[in-house]
C-alpha atoms as a PDB file:
ATOM      1  CA  MET A   1      15.134  21.380  28.192  1.00  0.00           C
ATOM      2  CA  GLY A   2      12.222  19.546  29.760  1.00  0.00           C
ATOM      3  CA  ASP A   3      10.015  20.302  26.773  1.00  0.00           C
ATOM      4  CA  ASP A   4      12.041  18.134  24.365  1.00  0.00           C
ATOM      5  CA  SER A   5      11.866  14.882  26.321  1.00  0.00           C
ATOM      6  CA  GLY A   6       9.613  12.868  23.931  1.00  0.00           C
ATOM      7  CA  SER A   7      10.178  14.415  20.516  1.00  0.00           C
ATOM      8  CA  GLY A   8      13.012  12.079  19.524  1.00  0.00           C
ATOM      9  CA  SER A   9      11.044   8.887  19.956  1.00  0.00           C
ATOM     10  CA  THR A  10       7.986  10.462  18.320  1.00  0.00           C
ATOM     11  CA  GLY A  11      10.048  11.208  15.197  1.00  0.00           C
ATOM     12  CA  VAL A  12      11.344   7.640  15.076  1.00  0.00           C
ATOM     13  CA  VAL A  13       7.828   6.220  15.397  1.00  0.00           C
ATOM     14  CA  ALA A  14       6.582   8.531  12.632  1.00  0.00           C
ATOM     15  CA  ILE A  15       9.379   7.471  10.279  1.00  0.00           C
ATOM     16  CA  LEU A  16       8.733   3.784  11.019  1.00  0.00           C
ATOM     17  CA  ALA A  17       4.998   4.225  10.411  1.00  0.00           C
ATOM     18  CA  ILE A  18       5.643   5.895   7.033  1.00  0.00           C
ATOM     19  CA  PHE A  19       8.092   3.125   6.106  1.00  0.00           C
ATOM     20  CA  VAL A  20       5.583   0.393   6.984  1.00  0.00           C
ATOM     21  CA  ILE A  21       2.870   2.124   4.938  1.00  0.00           C
ATOM     22  CA  LEU A  22       5.211   2.391   1.932  1.00  0.00           C
ATOM     23  CA  VAL A  23       6.097  -1.306   2.209  1.00  0.00           C
ATOM     24  CA  LEU A  24       2.420  -2.284   2.331  1.00  0.00           C
ATOM     25  CA  VAL A  25       1.604  -0.115  -0.689  1.00  0.00           C
ATOM     26  CA  GLY A  26       4.538  -1.649  -2.552  1.00  0.00           C
ATOM     27  CA  LEU A  27       3.324  -5.151  -1.776  1.00  0.00           C
ATOM     28  CA  VAL A  28      -0.165  -4.340  -3.014  1.00  0.00           C
ATOM     29  CA  VAL A  29       1.104  -2.742  -6.237  1.00  0.00           C
ATOM     30  CA  PHE A  30       3.905  -5.141  -7.112  1.00  0.00           C
ATOM     31  CA  GLY A  31       2.771  -8.268  -5.242  1.00  0.00           C
ATOM     32  CA  GLY A  32       0.024  -9.034  -7.737  1.00  0.00           C
ATOM     33  CA  ARG A  33       2.475  -8.897 -10.627  1.00  0.00           C
ATOM     34  CA  ILE A  34       5.049 -11.092  -8.924  1.00  0.00           C
ATOM     35  CA  PHE A  35       2.814 -13.797  -7.452  1.00  0.00           C
ATOM     36  CA  SER A  36      -0.003 -14.181  -9.955  1.00  0.00           C
ATOM     37  CA  GLY A  37       1.567 -12.949 -13.163  1.00  0.00           C
ATOM     38  CA  ASN A  38      -0.837 -11.089 -15.373  1.00  0.00           C
ATOM     39  CA  LYS A  39      -4.048  -9.888 -13.759  1.00  0.00           C
ATOM     40  CA  ARG A  40      -6.441  -9.277 -16.599  1.00  0.00           C
ATOM     41  CA  VAL A  41     -10.151  -8.830 -16.131  1.00  0.00           C
ATOM     42  CA  ASP A  42     -12.184  -9.845 -19.161  1.00  0.00           C
ATOM     43  CA  VAL A  43     -15.610  -8.241 -19.068  1.00  0.00           C
ATOM     44  CA  ASN A  44     -17.964  -9.367 -21.804  1.00  0.00           C
ATOM     45  CA  ILE A  45     -21.111  -7.271 -21.867  1.00  0.00           C
ATOM     46  CA  THR A  46     -23.818  -8.124 -24.384  1.00  0.00           C
ATOM     47  CA  VAL A  47     -27.205  -6.554 -24.870  1.00  0.00           C
ATOM     48  CA  PRO A  48     -30.009  -9.110 -25.095  1.00  0.00           C
ATOM     49  CA  SER A  49     -31.909  -8.950 -28.367  1.00  0.00           C
ATOM     50  CA  ARG A  50     -35.659  -8.469 -28.247  1.00  0.00           C
END
Protein backbone atom coordinates (compact mmCIF):
# COMPACT_ATOMS: atom_id res chain seq x y z
CA MET A 1 0.00 0.00 0.00
CA GLY A 2 2.92 2.34 0.55
CA ASP A 3 3.77 2.30 -3.14
CA ASP A 4 0.57 4.11 -4.19
CA SER A 5 0.96 7.18 -1.99
CA GLY A 6 1.60 9.81 -4.73
CA SER A 7 -0.05 8.40 -7.84
CA GLY A 8 -3.41 10.09 -7.26
CA SER A 9 -2.05 13.61 -7.16
CA THR A 10 0.27 12.88 -10.09
CA GLY A 11 -2.74 11.90 -12.22
CA VAL A 12 -4.59 15.08 -11.27
CA VAL A 13 -1.58 17.23 -12.15
CA ALA A 14 -1.21 15.45 -15.50
CA ILE A 15 -4.87 16.00 -16.36
CA LEU A 16 -4.65 19.68 -15.38
CA ALA A 17 -1.50 20.14 -17.47
CA ILE A 18 -3.19 18.60 -20.53
CA PHE A 19 -6.26 20.79 -19.98
CA VAL A 20 -4.15 23.96 -19.76
CA ILE A 21 -2.28 23.03 -22.95
CA LEU A 22 -5.57 22.43 -24.79
CA VAL A 23 -6.91 25.81 -23.62
CA LEU A 24 -3.76 27.58 -24.81
CA VAL A 25 -3.91 25.86 -28.20
CA GLY A 26 -7.57 26.81 -28.49
CA LEU A 27 -6.80 30.44 -27.73
CA VAL A 28 -4.06 30.52 -30.35
CA VAL A 29 -6.26 28.89 -33.02
CA PHE A 30 -9.55 30.65 -32.34
CA GLY A 31 -8.32 33.82 -30.61
CA GLY A 32 -7.05 35.35 -33.84
CA ARG A 33 -10.42 34.85 -35.51
CA ILE A 34 -12.39 36.29 -32.61
CA PHE A 35 -10.27 39.33 -31.74
CA SER A 36 -8.88 40.50 -35.07
CA GLY A 37 -11.40 39.16 -37.54
CA ASN A 38 -9.85 38.04 -40.78
CA LYS A 39 -6.10 37.50 -40.77
CA ARG A 40 -5.05 37.64 -44.38
CA VAL A 41 -1.47 38.01 -45.49
CA ASP A 42 -1.11 39.66 -48.88
CA VAL A 43 2.26 38.87 -50.40
CA ASN A 44 3.01 40.68 -53.63
CA ILE A 45 6.16 39.36 -55.25
CA THR A 46 7.36 40.97 -58.47
CA VAL A 47 10.46 40.25 -60.49
CA PRO A 48 12.40 43.38 -61.41
CA SER A 49 12.75 43.88 -65.15
CA ARG A 50 16.23 44.25 -66.60
